[in-house]
Amino acid sequence: QYLDAGDVIVDGGNEWFHNTLRRAKELEPKGIHFVGMGISGGEEGARNGPSLMPGGPKAAYDLIEPIISKCAAQVNDGPCTGYLGPVGSGNYVKMIHNGVEYGDMQLIAEVYDVMKTVLQLSNDEMAKIFEEWNSTELESYLIEITSKILAKKDDVTDTG
């Protein structure tokens, strides 16, 4: 009752893409556009702008593009957003993004386990290795924070 044909709903909740498809289909007869938009960036994104992954009708994207381009993180070649395709595309891309990230975290955890239990390295030694890796093709946010976490001393015991 509050929306008219041509209005746009943007769901930025990182929803499962099948739900995005269902919602868009329910709104289509009313002429209401539904855009499912994956959002990534964590606390850094909250402070400096996230990566925005919209998927939906191109006409709806064209309406929201000026807004999301200003809200998105800005890098040398423009905002961290762009039209990803029809309904469900944005949430699907976010799902794949999460899968890659979880795979990276699993790999880091397994490497940590080998270094700690097999090589018997200290946290300081592992921190230095991760720091070195972060200056190679392995450079990433996850490698960087792993190094910092391993280098941090416990504020009670002063051990790593």
Protein backbone atom coordinates (compact mmCIF):
# COMPACT_ATOMS: atom_id res chain seq x y z
CA GLN A 1 0.00 0.00 0.00
CA TYR A 2 3.01 2.32 0.49
CA LEU A 3 4.86 1.49 -2.74
CA ASP A 4 4.02 2.32 -6.33
CA ALA A 5 4.99 0.79 -9.64
CA GLY A 6 8.52 1.89 -10.49
CA ASP A 7 9.63 2.08 -6.85
CA VAL A 8 12.81 0.22 -5.87
CA ILE A 9 13.43 -1.96 -2.82
CA VAL A 10 17.08 -2.67 -2.05
CA ASP A 11 17.81 -5.60 0.26
CA GLY A 12 21.35 -5.18 1.58
CA GLY A 13 21.12 -8.08 4.01
CA ASN A 14 23.40 -10.51 2.13
CA GLU A 15 20.38 -12.76 1.64
CA TRP A 16 20.48 -16.21 0.07
CA PHE A 17 20.01 -15.57 -3.65
CA HIS A 18 17.03 -17.96 -3.92
CA ASN A 19 15.10 -15.75 -1.46
CA THR A 20 16.04 -12.70 -3.54
CA LEU A 21 14.61 -14.38 -6.65
CA ARG A 22 11.40 -15.27 -4.79
CA ARG A 23 10.89 -11.75 -3.45
CA ALA A 24 11.53 -10.16 -6.84
CA LYS A 25 9.02 -12.50 -8.44
CA GLU A 26 6.39 -11.59 -5.82
CA LEU A 27 6.88 -7.85 -6.45
CA GLU A 28 7.11 -8.00 -10.24
CA PRO A 29 3.32 -8.03 -10.89
CA LYS A 30 3.07 -4.78 -8.90
CA GLY A 31 5.81 -3.17 -10.99
CA ILE A 32 8.06 -2.80 -7.93
CA HIS A 33 11.77 -3.38 -8.59
CA PHE A 34 13.71 -5.57 -6.16
CA VAL A 35 17.50 -5.34 -5.94
CA GLY A 36 19.45 -7.84 -3.84
CA MET A 37 22.77 -6.28 -2.90
CA GLY A 38 25.68 -8.10 -1.33
CA ILE A 39 27.74 -5.89 0.97
CA SER A 40 31.33 -6.52 2.02
CA GLY A 41 33.90 -4.61 3.97
CA GLY A 42 33.46 -5.26 7.68
CA GLU A 43 34.48 -2.48 10.05
CA GLU A 44 36.71 -0.90 7.40
CA GLY A 45 33.76 -0.78 5.03
CA ALA A 46 31.59 0.76 7.72
CA ARG A 47 34.12 3.57 8.16
CA ASN A 48 35.34 4.09 4.60
CA GLY A 49 32.67 2.61 2.38
CA PRO A 50 31.94 -1.02 1.52
CA SER A 51 32.02 -3.03 -1.66
CA LEU A 52 28.44 -3.08 -2.97
CA MET A 53 27.25 -5.93 -5.22
CA PRO A 54 23.82 -5.08 -6.65
CA GLY A 55 21.80 -7.47 -8.77
CA GLY A 56 18.36 -6.72 -10.16
CA PRO A 57 16.58 -5.05 -13.05
CA LYS A 58 18.96 -2.79 -14.99
CA ALA A 59 16.37 0.01 -14.82
CA ALA A 60 16.41 -0.21 -11.01
CA TYR A 61 20.20 -0.22 -10.93
CA ASP A 62 20.27 2.90 -13.09
CA LEU A 63 18.03 4.63 -10.52
CA ILE A 64 20.16 3.70 -7.50
CA GLU A 65 23.60 3.89 -9.13
CA PRO A 66 24.35 7.54 -8.23
CA ILE A 67 23.56 6.82 -4.57
CA ILE A 68 25.43 3.55 -4.19
CA SER A 69 28.43 4.86 -6.14
CA LYS A 70 28.80 7.63 -3.54
CA CYS A 71 28.31 5.22 -0.61
CA ALA A 72 30.75 2.58 -1.88
CA ALA A 73 34.45 2.50 -1.08
CA GLN A 74 36.41 4.63 -3.53
CA VAL A 75 39.59 3.34 -5.15
CA ASN A 76 41.89 4.65 -7.88
CA ASP A 77 39.64 3.51 -10.71
CA GLY A 78 36.30 4.43 -9.16
CA PRO A 79 33.72 3.16 -6.69
CA CYS A 80 33.70 -0.46 -5.51
CA THR A 81 30.36 -1.23 -7.09
CA GLY A 82 28.85 -1.97 -10.46
CA TYR A 83 25.91 -3.67 -12.08
CA LEU A 84 26.34 -7.43 -11.61
CA GLY A 85 23.33 -8.64 -13.56
CA PRO A 86 19.73 -9.69 -13.03
CA VAL A 87 17.97 -10.39 -9.74
CA GLY A 88 20.00 -12.74 -7.55
CA SER A 89 23.36 -11.89 -9.14
CA GLY A 90 24.55 -9.58 -6.37
CA ASN A 91 23.75 -12.04 -3.59
CA TYR A 92 25.25 -14.91 -5.60
CA VAL A 93 28.51 -12.99 -6.07
CA LYS A 94 28.58 -12.23 -2.32
CA MET A 95 28.05 -15.93 -1.58
CA ILE A 96 31.03 -16.87 -3.78
CA HIS A 97 33.08 -14.06 -2.17
CA ASN A 98 32.30 -15.52 1.27
CA GLY A 99 33.21 -19.03 0.12
CA VAL A 100 36.62 -17.86 -1.08
CA GLU A 101 37.18 -15.95 2.15
CA TYR A 102 36.20 -18.96 4.29
CA GLY A 103 38.56 -21.13 2.23
CA ASP A 104 41.38 -18.66 2.91
CA MET A 105 40.59 -18.71 6.65
CA GLN A 106 40.61 -22.52 6.67
CA LEU A 107 43.98 -22.58 4.90
CA ILE A 108 45.43 -20.05 7.37
CA ALA A 109 44.14 -22.15 10.29
CA GLU A 110 45.69 -25.32 8.89
CA VAL A 111 49.03 -23.60 8.24
CA TYR A 112 48.96 -22.24 11.79
CA ASP A 113 48.32 -25.75 13.13
CA VAL A 114 51.27 -27.22 11.20
CA MET A 115 53.56 -24.38 12.29
CA LYS A 116 52.49 -24.70 15.94
CA THR A 117 52.26 -28.48 16.37
CA VAL A 118 54.68 -29.91 13.80
CA LEU A 119 57.29 -27.16 13.47
CA GLN A 120 56.75 -26.04 17.09
CA LEU A 121 57.14 -22.37 16.20
CA SER A 122 56.34 -19.66 18.70
CA ASN A 123 53.68 -17.03 18.04
CA ASP A 124 56.44 -14.45 17.45
CA GLU A 125 58.11 -16.70 14.86
CA MET A 126 54.80 -17.34 13.11
CA ALA A 127 53.95 -13.62 13.19
CA LYS A 128 57.20 -12.85 11.36
CA ILE A 129 56.49 -15.50 8.73
CA PHE A 130 52.97 -14.22 8.11
CA GLU A 131 54.34 -10.67 7.96
CA GLU A 132 56.88 -11.77 5.32
CA TRP A 133 54.15 -13.55 3.35
CA ASN A 134 52.10 -10.37 3.40
CA SER A 135 54.81 -8.64 1.33
CA THR A 136 54.54 -11.29 -1.43
CA GLU A 137 51.77 -12.43 -3.78
CA LEU A 138 50.02 -13.75 -0.65
CA GLU A 139 49.34 -10.18 0.51
CA SER A 140 45.82 -9.93 1.89
CA TYR A 141 43.86 -8.52 4.77
CA LEU A 142 43.59 -11.98 6.36
CA ILE A 143 47.35 -12.63 6.20
CA GLU A 144 48.00 -9.14 7.57
CA ILE A 145 45.71 -9.51 10.58
CA THR A 146 46.97 -13.04 11.27
CA SER A 147 50.47 -11.61 11.60
CA LYS A 148 49.25 -8.84 13.91
CA ILE A 149 47.21 -11.22 16.06
CA LEU A 150 50.12 -13.62 16.49
CA ALA A 151 52.45 -10.73 17.41
CA LYS A 152 50.10 -9.37 20.08
CA LYS A 153 51.08 -10.10 23.66
CA ASP A 154 48.50 -11.10 26.24
CA ASP A 155 47.94 -8.09 28.50
CA VAL A 156 47.86 -10.30 31.61
CA THR A 157 50.62 -12.87 31.02
CA ASP A 158 52.73 -10.83 28.54
CA THR A 159 53.10 -13.98 26.43
CA GLY A 160 52.23 -14.48 22.78
